[in-house]
Amino acid sequence: MPDPEPIHPPTPVSPTVQSARSFAIGAPEIAPHAFTFLNSFCTTILTTAIFFLTKNAYDFSRTMNFALAVLLGVTYIVGAKFAGPTIRWTLRTIPGSSSRGILAILMVALTVLCIIPLAVQRLWPGSGTWPIWVVIGVYSPLTGVLWPLVESFIAGGKRGRRLVRSMGLWNVNWSSAGAIASIACAPLVAGYPLEGMAMLGGIHLASVIFLRFFPPNPAPHGDGSHEPHPPHYAALLVAFRMLLPASYVASSALMPLLPTLTENLNVVPVLHTVITAIYLATRSLTFLGFQFLRGWHGRWWPAIVCPTLLIVGFAFVVFAGRSADAFGAAAGWTSLIGGLIAFGVGMAGIYSAALYYAMEVGNAQVDAGGAHETLIGVGYTIGPALGLGAALAIDAGRLAPGAFEPVVLSGVALVVVAVAVVVGARVRRETRLK
């Protein structure tokens, strides 16, 4: 996603190309952004709101949703780690191949995957839940190839401030598509989840029309380090790159839990994904604010405020049900909505800062290639693994049912706080030197 929130890395993957042209020459700038919007509309639902779909279509339990989230994370690691080498190998060894052609093939593959669950239900009723496991197991790694490749078209031929602006606006684009998707798909997820999923395949396929405006391959990436930056920007980059995967641990633990939370709060099914849209819309607005407001540039306070908002928001969301039991429905709703807003601000702030400093410092100094994307994938796996472990322990009778929320919150908090402590120590050290 992109996202999850999968799922697109802040460091672009640049395939080897023999010749390329910039979008200013080859096509309108609108084409890659339109392509991004349509595909983000789909991938947000199938990587973030998928847990509402599985609950309504297959009656997934909390345990099964967390298991599906673990599968999503593990397979994304595979896709992210091998995306760059696979693309480079294809361009190098297959005559006539191009990055644009790879995107077209991906669209066809994603379309077929979206249709499979509905087709299986119609042709072999009562065949079980295996289609959704197969679909997510293949869909997730393919998006691990899709988004780095799209990002290379967005960033190609740009450098310095132009590169920073372009990537910032791209973040607003894909994140707003996700928020709109969560609201638009609500009636389908509630009443026709598999039909809605098949419609997403149609959107994937329709996005191919914009590929005709793409050059065969992206222009070579510019170097963001051409413009001077303060020395402490390198330290800020390290800090936010540490916080980035930790934030994914929190978000990937939270998303599979939302269907159970909304059910406990007696939210009608048609509003389930609208609840998710609160988080996604907040994230998109925060991206927009970080893009146009410059007062945070070079400052250390976001490295403290953002992870604090992240963990506090997570806690309020996780304990929304208990707040409702103790203080009434209004308290539960306030805890849920307020928590999602705080969580969205913290998540987007960390991501925006990590991307900004990566662009300012320059990829040549900090590019970890596929390793960085893999690290994010590890975050997507650890989060739901914590929830799955707690859910399995409760199912086996080793933990009391009421222990789920404290155990998951403690696990996520341990990861985020541990990273925040290291970052905090760096903040103190750097501010003393100023």
Protein backbone atom coordinates (compact mmCIF):
# COMPACT_ATOMS: atom_id res chain seq x y z
CA MET A 1 0.00 0.00 0.00
CA PRO A 2 0.37 1.09 -1.03
CA ASP A 3 0.07 0.41 2.73
CA PRO A 4 -0.29 -2.14 3.82
CA GLU A 5 -0.28 0.66 4.67
CA PRO A 6 1.41 -2.39 2.90
CA ILE A 7 2.79 -1.93 1.57
CA HIS A 8 5.29 0.50 -0.43
CA PRO A 9 8.79 1.34 0.85
CA PRO A 10 10.21 4.82 1.35
CA THR A 11 13.38 3.86 -0.53
CA PRO A 12 12.50 3.39 -4.24
CA VAL A 13 13.69 0.29 -6.07
CA SER A 14 15.40 1.36 -9.30
CA PRO A 15 15.40 -1.38 -11.99
CA THR A 16 18.31 -1.53 -14.40
CA VAL A 17 17.28 0.04 -17.67
CA GLN A 18 19.10 0.63 -20.94
CA SER A 19 17.25 3.81 -21.84
CA ALA A 20 14.56 5.88 -20.20
CA ARG A 21 12.78 9.15 -20.53
CA SER A 22 11.31 11.45 -17.93
CA PHE A 23 7.55 11.88 -17.66
CA ALA A 24 7.96 15.49 -18.71
CA ILE A 25 8.82 14.15 -22.17
CA GLY A 26 7.10 10.75 -22.32
CA ALA A 27 3.69 11.32 -20.75
CA PRO A 28 1.51 13.56 -18.61
CA GLU A 29 2.43 13.66 -14.93
CA ILE A 30 -1.15 12.69 -14.08
CA ALA A 31 -0.81 9.12 -15.43
CA PRO A 32 1.32 7.54 -12.67
CA HIS A 33 -0.74 9.26 -9.99
CA ALA A 34 -4.02 8.05 -11.50
CA PHE A 35 -2.58 4.54 -11.75
CA THR A 36 -1.49 4.81 -8.12
CA PHE A 37 -4.90 5.99 -6.92
CA LEU A 38 -6.82 3.13 -8.52
CA ASN A 39 -4.43 0.45 -7.33
CA SER A 40 -4.17 1.89 -3.83
CA PHE A 41 -7.98 1.87 -3.70
CA CYS A 42 -7.82 -1.91 -4.19
CA THR A 43 -4.75 -2.82 -2.17
CA THR A 44 -5.93 -0.91 0.89
CA ILE A 45 -9.05 -3.03 1.08
CA LEU A 46 -7.18 -6.28 0.50
CA THR A 47 -4.42 -5.56 3.00
CA THR A 48 -6.15 -3.40 5.62
CA ALA A 49 -9.92 -3.92 5.41
CA ILE A 50 -9.50 -7.59 4.40
CA PHE A 51 -10.18 -8.64 7.99
CA PHE A 52 -13.71 -7.23 7.85
CA LEU A 53 -14.25 -9.03 4.56
CA THR A 54 -13.10 -12.38 5.96
CA LYS A 55 -15.29 -11.97 9.03
CA ASN A 56 -18.38 -11.33 6.91
CA ALA A 57 -17.64 -13.79 4.08
CA TYR A 58 -16.04 -16.66 6.03
CA ASP A 59 -16.97 -15.92 9.65
CA PHE A 60 -13.28 -15.70 10.59
CA SER A 61 -12.54 -15.64 14.30
CA ARG A 62 -10.07 -13.27 15.91
CA THR A 63 -7.47 -16.05 15.87
CA MET A 64 -7.95 -16.76 12.15
CA ASN A 65 -7.71 -13.08 11.24
CA PHE A 66 -4.42 -12.78 13.09
CA ALA A 67 -3.15 -15.90 11.34
CA LEU A 68 -4.10 -14.37 7.98
CA ALA A 69 -2.25 -11.19 8.97
CA VAL A 70 0.87 -13.21 9.74
CA LEU A 71 0.64 -14.83 6.30
CA LEU A 72 0.28 -11.37 4.74
CA GLY A 73 3.42 -10.16 6.53
CA VAL A 74 5.57 -13.21 5.78
CA THR A 75 4.70 -13.26 2.09
CA TYR A 76 5.27 -9.52 1.82
CA ILE A 77 8.81 -10.03 3.13
CA VAL A 78 9.40 -12.44 0.24
CA GLY A 79 7.96 -10.04 -2.34
CA ALA A 80 9.81 -7.00 -0.99
CA LYS A 81 13.13 -8.77 -0.65
CA PHE A 82 13.14 -10.17 -4.17
CA ALA A 83 11.28 -7.39 -6.01
CA GLY A 84 14.37 -5.52 -7.20
CA PRO A 85 16.43 -8.58 -8.22
CA THR A 86 13.42 -10.12 -9.99
CA ILE A 87 12.70 -6.96 -11.98
CA ARG A 88 16.35 -6.50 -12.93
CA TRP A 89 16.65 -10.15 -13.97
CA THR A 90 13.53 -9.87 -16.14
CA LEU A 91 14.69 -6.71 -17.88
CA ARG A 92 18.14 -8.17 -18.43
CA THR A 93 17.23 -11.63 -19.74
CA ILE A 94 13.88 -11.37 -21.55
CA PRO A 95 14.10 -9.59 -24.91
CA GLY A 96 11.65 -6.74 -25.32
CA SER A 97 10.67 -6.69 -21.66
CA SER A 98 10.07 -3.40 -19.88
CA SER A 99 9.01 -2.09 -16.50
CA ARG A 100 5.73 -0.96 -18.05
CA GLY A 101 5.14 -4.49 -19.32
CA ILE A 102 5.79 -5.92 -15.86
CA LEU A 103 3.16 -3.56 -14.43
CA ALA A 104 0.65 -4.75 -17.05
CA ILE A 105 1.30 -8.39 -16.14
CA LEU A 106 0.90 -7.58 -12.45
CA MET A 107 -2.49 -5.98 -13.13
CA VAL A 108 -3.73 -9.10 -14.89
CA ALA A 109 -2.45 -11.32 -12.07
CA LEU A 110 -4.05 -9.18 -9.35
CA THR A 111 -7.34 -9.14 -11.29
CA VAL A 112 -7.44 -12.95 -11.46
CA LEU A 113 -6.67 -13.25 -7.75
CA CYS A 114 -9.55 -10.93 -6.83
CA ILE A 115 -12.02 -13.06 -8.81
CA ILE A 116 -10.95 -16.44 -7.40
CA PRO A 117 -12.96 -16.42 -4.11
CA LEU A 118 -16.26 -15.56 -5.84
CA ALA A 119 -15.62 -18.02 -8.66
CA VAL A 120 -14.89 -20.84 -6.21
CA GLN A 121 -18.02 -20.06 -4.18
CA ARG A 122 -20.20 -20.12 -7.29
CA LEU A 123 -18.65 -23.23 -8.85
CA TRP A 124 -17.98 -25.26 -5.69
CA PRO A 125 -20.27 -24.04 -2.89
CA GLY A 126 -19.15 -24.97 0.59
CA SER A 127 -15.52 -25.46 -0.46
CA GLY A 128 -14.22 -23.79 2.69
CA THR A 129 -11.90 -20.87 3.35
CA TRP A 130 -8.88 -21.98 1.34
CA PRO A 131 -9.44 -19.46 -1.52
CA ILE A 132 -8.79 -16.44 0.68
CA TRP A 133 -5.60 -17.98 2.07
CA VAL A 134 -4.32 -18.66 -1.42
CA VAL A 135 -5.29 -15.20 -2.66
CA ILE A 136 -3.60 -13.32 0.19
CA GLY A 137 -0.55 -15.60 0.02
CA VAL A 138 -0.01 -14.55 -3.61
CA TYR A 139 -1.51 -11.04 -3.63
CA SER A 140 0.71 -9.74 -0.83
CA PRO A 141 4.11 -10.53 -2.42
CA LEU A 142 2.91 -9.22 -5.80
CA THR A 143 2.16 -5.85 -4.17
CA GLY A 144 5.68 -6.04 -2.77
CA VAL A 145 6.79 -5.89 -6.42
CA LEU A 146 4.11 -3.45 -7.58
CA TRP A 147 4.72 -0.48 -5.30
CA PRO A 148 8.52 -0.19 -5.53
CA LEU A 149 8.16 -0.31 -9.31
CA VAL A 150 5.45 2.37 -9.38
CA GLU A 151 7.54 4.46 -7.02
CA SER A 152 10.47 4.25 -9.41
CA PHE A 153 8.31 5.83 -12.13
CA ILE A 154 7.17 8.58 -9.74
CA ALA A 155 10.70 9.42 -8.56
CA GLY A 156 12.53 8.83 -11.84
CA GLY A 157 14.46 11.80 -13.23
CA LYS A 158 13.84 13.96 -10.15
CA ARG A 159 16.23 15.21 -7.51
CA GLY A 160 16.44 17.54 -4.57
CA ARG A 161 13.35 19.56 -3.63
CA ARG A 162 11.46 18.36 -6.70
CA LEU A 163 11.95 14.75 -5.60
CA VAL A 164 10.82 15.51 -2.04
CA ARG A 165 7.68 17.31 -3.26
CA SER A 166 6.83 14.58 -5.75
CA MET A 167 7.11 11.78 -3.20
CA GLY A 168 5.20 13.79 -0.60
CA LEU A 169 2.28 14.36 -2.95
CA TRP A 170 2.38 10.69 -3.92
CA ASN A 171 1.94 9.79 -0.25
CA VAL A 172 -1.13 12.02 -0.05
CA ASN A 173 -2.47 10.40 -3.23
CA TRP A 174 -2.22 6.74 -2.23
CA SER A 175 -3.27 7.34 1.37
CA SER A 176 -6.38 9.34 0.41
CA ALA A 177 -7.35 6.58 -2.04
CA GLY A 178 -7.27 4.15 0.87
CA ALA A 179 -9.53 6.32 3.01
CA ILE A 180 -12.04 6.72 0.18
CA ALA A 181 -11.95 2.98 -0.52
CA SER A 182 -12.80 2.10 3.09
CA ILE A 183 -15.94 4.23 2.92
CA ALA A 184 -16.96 3.24 -0.61
CA CYS A 185 -16.63 -0.49 0.01
CA ALA A 186 -18.62 -0.50 3.27
CA PRO A 187 -21.96 -1.69 1.78
CA LEU A 188 -20.25 -4.39 -0.29
CA VAL A 189 -18.12 -5.72 2.57
CA ALA A 190 -21.19 -5.91 4.78
CA GLY A 191 -23.56 -7.60 2.30
CA TYR A 192 -21.59 -8.81 -0.72
CA PRO A 193 -17.95 -9.24 0.36
CA LEU A 194 -16.84 -11.66 -2.36
CA GLU A 195 -18.65 -9.71 -5.08
CA GLY A 196 -16.95 -6.57 -3.81
CA MET A 197 -13.59 -8.30 -3.97
CA ALA A 198 -14.23 -9.31 -7.59
CA MET A 199 -15.07 -5.68 -8.41
CA LEU A 200 -11.65 -4.69 -7.10
CA GLY A 201 -10.18 -6.95 -9.77
CA GLY A 202 -12.05 -4.89 -12.35
CA ILE A 203 -10.48 -1.71 -10.97
CA HIS A 204 -7.00 -3.26 -11.15
CA LEU A 205 -7.64 -4.16 -14.78
CA ALA A 206 -9.08 -0.73 -15.62
CA SER A 207 -5.90 0.94 -14.36
CA VAL A 208 -4.01 -0.60 -17.29
CA ILE A 209 -5.38 2.18 -19.51
CA PHE A 210 -3.01 4.65 -17.83
CA LEU A 211 0.03 2.52 -18.67
CA ARG A 212 -0.18 3.67 -22.28
CA PHE A 213 1.07 7.06 -21.04
CA PHE A 214 4.07 5.52 -19.23
CA PRO A 215 7.48 5.36 -20.89
CA PRO A 216 8.77 1.77 -21.24
CA ASN A 217 11.05 2.24 -18.24
CA PRO A 218 11.39 4.86 -15.50
CA ALA A 219 13.99 7.57 -15.84
CA PRO A 220 17.11 7.00 -13.75
CA HIS A 221 16.73 8.24 -10.19
CA GLY A 222 18.16 11.58 -9.25
CA ASP A 223 20.32 11.92 -6.17
CA GLY A 224 18.63 13.76 -3.31
CA SER A 225 22.02 14.58 -1.79
CA HIS A 226 22.85 17.25 -4.38
CA GLU A 227 21.43 19.98 -2.17
CA PRO A 228 23.21 20.67 1.15
CA HIS A 229 21.59 19.59 4.39
CA PRO A 230 22.48 20.16 8.07
CA PRO A 231 24.79 17.49 9.55
CA HIS A 232 22.22 16.33 12.13
CA TYR A 233 19.82 15.27 9.35
CA ALA A 234 21.75 11.99 9.10
CA ALA A 235 21.05 11.32 12.79
CA LEU A 236 17.38 12.17 12.29
CA LEU A 237 17.24 9.73 9.39
CA VAL A 238 18.64 6.92 11.53
CA ALA A 239 16.14 7.69 14.29
CA PHE A 240 13.10 7.62 12.04
CA ARG A 241 14.27 4.56 10.18
CA MET A 242 14.36 2.82 13.54
CA LEU A 243 10.85 4.05 14.38
CA LEU A 244 9.41 3.11 10.98
CA PRO A 245 9.39 -0.70 11.33
CA ALA A 246 8.33 -0.36 14.98
CA SER A 247 5.29 1.62 13.83
CA TYR A 248 4.40 -1.18 11.43
CA VAL A 249 4.47 -3.63 14.33
CA ALA A 250 1.74 -1.54 15.96
CA SER A 251 -0.40 -1.01 12.85
CA SER A 252 -0.25 -4.66 11.76
CA ALA A 253 -1.30 -5.77 15.25
CA LEU A 254 -4.21 -3.32 15.30
CA MET A 255 -5.87 -3.97 11.93
CA PRO A 256 -6.86 -7.65 12.50
CA LEU A 257 -8.30 -6.65 15.87
CA LEU A 258 -10.69 -3.98 14.56
CA PRO A 259 -13.45 -6.38 13.40
CA THR A 260 -13.71 -7.87 16.90
CA LEU A 261 -13.61 -4.44 18.53
CA THR A 262 -16.35 -3.03 16.32
CA GLU A 263 -18.49 -6.11 16.97
CA ASN A 264 -18.05 -5.72 20.72
CA LEU A 265 -19.17 -2.10 20.43
CA ASN A 266 -22.27 -3.22 18.48
CA VAL A 267 -21.26 -1.36 15.34
CA VAL A 268 -23.55 -2.29 12.44
CA PRO A 269 -21.67 -4.20 9.71
CA VAL A 270 -22.14 -1.48 7.08
CA LEU A 271 -20.06 0.89 9.24
CA HIS A 272 -17.20 -1.52 9.94
CA THR A 273 -14.82 -0.30 7.25
CA VAL A 274 -15.93 3.29 7.84
CA ILE A 275 -14.30 2.93 11.28
CA THR A 276 -11.06 1.99 9.52
CA ALA A 277 -11.48 5.07 7.31
CA ILE A 278 -11.14 7.28 10.41
CA TYR A 279 -7.56 6.07 10.81
CA LEU A 280 -6.84 6.20 7.08
CA ALA A 281 -8.27 9.70 6.61
CA THR A 282 -6.31 10.99 9.60
CA ARG A 283 -3.17 9.48 8.16
CA SER A 284 -3.80 11.12 4.79
CA LEU A 285 -4.43 14.55 6.35
CA THR A 286 -1.26 14.20 8.40
CA PHE A 287 0.70 13.38 5.25
CA LEU A 288 -0.72 16.57 3.74
CA GLY A 289 0.23 18.63 6.78
CA PHE A 290 3.77 17.26 6.92
CA GLN A 291 4.11 17.93 3.20
CA PHE A 292 3.27 21.64 3.30
CA LEU A 293 4.23 22.66 6.86
CA ARG A 294 7.99 23.01 7.18
CA GLY A 295 8.34 23.84 10.88
CA TRP A 296 9.19 20.23 11.80
CA HIS A 297 12.14 20.01 9.38
CA GLY A 298 15.37 19.43 11.28
CA ARG A 299 13.60 19.29 14.66
CA TRP A 300 13.79 16.41 17.11
CA TRP A 301 10.37 16.78 18.71
CA PRO A 302 8.53 14.64 16.10
CA ALA A 303 10.80 11.73 17.11
CA ILE A 304 9.25 11.95 20.59
CA VAL A 305 5.69 13.10 19.85
CA CYS A 306 4.91 10.68 17.00
CA PRO A 307 5.75 7.39 18.76
CA THR A 308 3.99 8.68 21.89
CA LEU A 309 0.81 9.32 19.88
CA LEU A 310 1.22 5.91 18.26
CA ILE A 311 1.31 3.90 21.48
CA VAL A 312 -1.28 6.04 23.31
CA GLY A 313 -3.66 5.78 20.34
CA PHE A 314 -3.10 2.03 20.17
CA ALA A 315 -3.95 1.67 23.86
CA PHE A 316 -7.16 3.71 23.54
CA VAL A 317 -8.33 1.63 20.58
CA VAL A 318 -7.51 -1.73 22.17
CA PHE A 319 -9.30 -0.86 25.40
CA ALA A 320 -12.34 0.75 23.74
CA GLY A 321 -14.48 -2.27 24.56
CA ARG A 322 -13.53 -2.21 28.21
CA SER A 323 -14.18 1.53 28.35
CA ALA A 324 -17.67 0.89 27.03
CA ASP A 325 -18.28 -1.81 29.65
CA ALA A 326 -17.03 0.38 32.48
CA PHE A 327 -18.31 3.84 31.52
CA GLY A 328 -20.93 3.34 28.83
CA ALA A 329 -21.15 3.25 25.03
CA ALA A 330 -20.17 6.92 24.62
CA ALA A 331 -16.90 6.31 26.44
CA GLY A 332 -16.18 3.30 24.24
CA TRP A 333 -16.80 5.24 21.04
CA THR A 334 -14.71 8.16 22.27
CA SER A 335 -11.86 5.81 23.11
CA LEU A 336 -12.07 4.09 19.70
CA ILE A 337 -12.32 7.21 17.53
CA GLY A 338 -9.86 9.28 19.57
CA GLY A 339 -7.41 6.41 19.58
CA LEU A 340 -7.63 5.92 15.82
CA ILE A 341 -7.02 9.63 15.23
CA ALA A 342 -3.98 9.73 17.51
CA PHE A 343 -2.67 6.52 15.98
CA GLY A 344 -3.09 7.87 12.44
CA VAL A 345 -1.18 11.07 13.25
CA GLY A 346 1.66 9.15 14.87
CA MET A 347 1.90 6.63 12.06
CA ALA A 348 1.90 9.21 9.26
CA GLY A 349 4.31 11.49 11.11
CA ILE A 350 6.90 8.73 11.45
CA TYR A 351 6.52 7.67 7.82
CA SER A 352 6.68 11.25 6.49
CA ALA A 353 9.81 12.06 8.46
CA ALA A 354 11.55 8.82 7.48
CA LEU A 355 10.87 9.52 3.81
CA TYR A 356 11.82 13.20 4.00
CA TYR A 357 15.20 12.60 5.62
CA ALA A 358 15.93 9.70 3.27
CA MET A 359 15.43 12.08 0.35
CA GLU A 360 17.35 14.95 1.94
CA VAL A 361 20.36 12.96 3.07
CA GLY A 362 20.55 11.07 -0.19
CA ASN A 363 19.96 7.46 -1.09
CA ALA A 364 23.60 6.77 -1.84
CA GLN A 365 24.47 7.03 1.84
CA VAL A 366 21.54 5.16 3.33
CA ASP A 367 20.08 2.86 0.68
CA ALA A 368 19.69 -0.59 2.11
CA GLY A 369 18.01 -1.88 -1.03
CA GLY A 370 15.65 -4.75 -0.39
CA ALA A 371 16.81 -5.03 3.21
CA HIS A 372 14.86 -1.90 4.19
CA GLU A 373 11.63 -3.18 2.65
CA THR A 374 12.24 -6.54 4.29
CA LEU A 375 12.59 -4.82 7.66
CA ILE A 376 9.18 -3.23 7.18
CA GLY A 377 7.82 -6.66 6.27
CA VAL A 378 9.23 -8.01 9.52
CA GLY A 379 7.25 -5.31 11.32
CA TYR A 380 4.13 -6.44 9.48
CA THR A 381 4.78 -9.97 10.73
CA ILE A 382 5.74 -9.33 14.36
CA GLY A 383 2.61 -7.27 15.10
CA PRO A 384 0.00 -9.91 14.17
CA ALA A 385 2.26 -12.66 15.53
CA LEU A 386 1.87 -11.06 18.97
CA GLY A 387 -1.92 -11.08 18.56
CA LEU A 388 -1.95 -14.62 17.20
CA GLY A 389 0.14 -15.89 20.10
CA ALA A 390 -2.22 -14.31 22.64
CA ALA A 391 -5.32 -15.58 20.83
CA LEU A 392 -3.97 -19.14 20.60
CA ALA A 393 -3.03 -19.09 24.30
CA ILE A 394 -6.58 -18.04 25.18
CA ASP A 395 -8.10 -20.69 22.89
CA ALA A 396 -5.93 -23.31 24.60
CA GLY A 397 -6.98 -22.13 28.06
CA ARG A 398 -3.50 -20.94 29.01
CA LEU A 399 -4.61 -17.32 29.32
CA ALA A 400 -7.85 -15.90 30.64
CA PRO A 401 -10.06 -14.32 27.92
CA GLY A 402 -9.65 -10.92 29.55
CA ALA A 403 -5.87 -11.10 29.20
CA PHE A 404 -5.87 -10.60 25.43
CA GLU A 405 -5.81 -6.80 25.34
CA PRO A 406 -3.15 -6.37 28.06
CA VAL A 407 -0.90 -9.02 26.48
CA VAL A 408 -1.09 -7.54 22.97
CA LEU A 409 -0.68 -3.98 24.22
CA SER A 410 2.30 -5.03 26.35
CA GLY A 411 3.99 -6.74 23.42
CA VAL A 412 3.49 -3.83 21.03
CA ALA A 413 4.42 -1.29 23.71
CA LEU A 414 7.60 -3.21 24.48
CA VAL A 415 8.74 -2.98 20.86
CA VAL A 416 7.77 0.66 20.32
CA VAL A 417 9.00 1.88 23.72
CA ALA A 418 12.32 0.04 23.35
CA VAL A 419 12.94 1.76 20.02
CA ALA A 420 11.70 5.08 21.41
CA VAL A 421 14.13 4.85 24.35
CA VAL A 422 17.04 4.38 21.94
CA VAL A 423 15.78 7.29 19.84
CA GLY A 424 15.26 9.38 22.98
CA ALA A 425 18.86 8.80 24.02
CA ARG A 426 19.94 9.97 20.57
CA VAL A 427 17.73 13.06 20.90
CA ARG A 428 19.35 14.00 24.21
CA ARG A 429 22.82 13.44 22.85
CA GLU A 430 22.20 15.44 19.69
CA THR A 431 20.47 18.35 21.43
CA ARG A 432 23.32 18.63 23.95
CA LEU A 433 25.75 19.01 21.08
CA LYS A 434 23.78 21.90 19.56
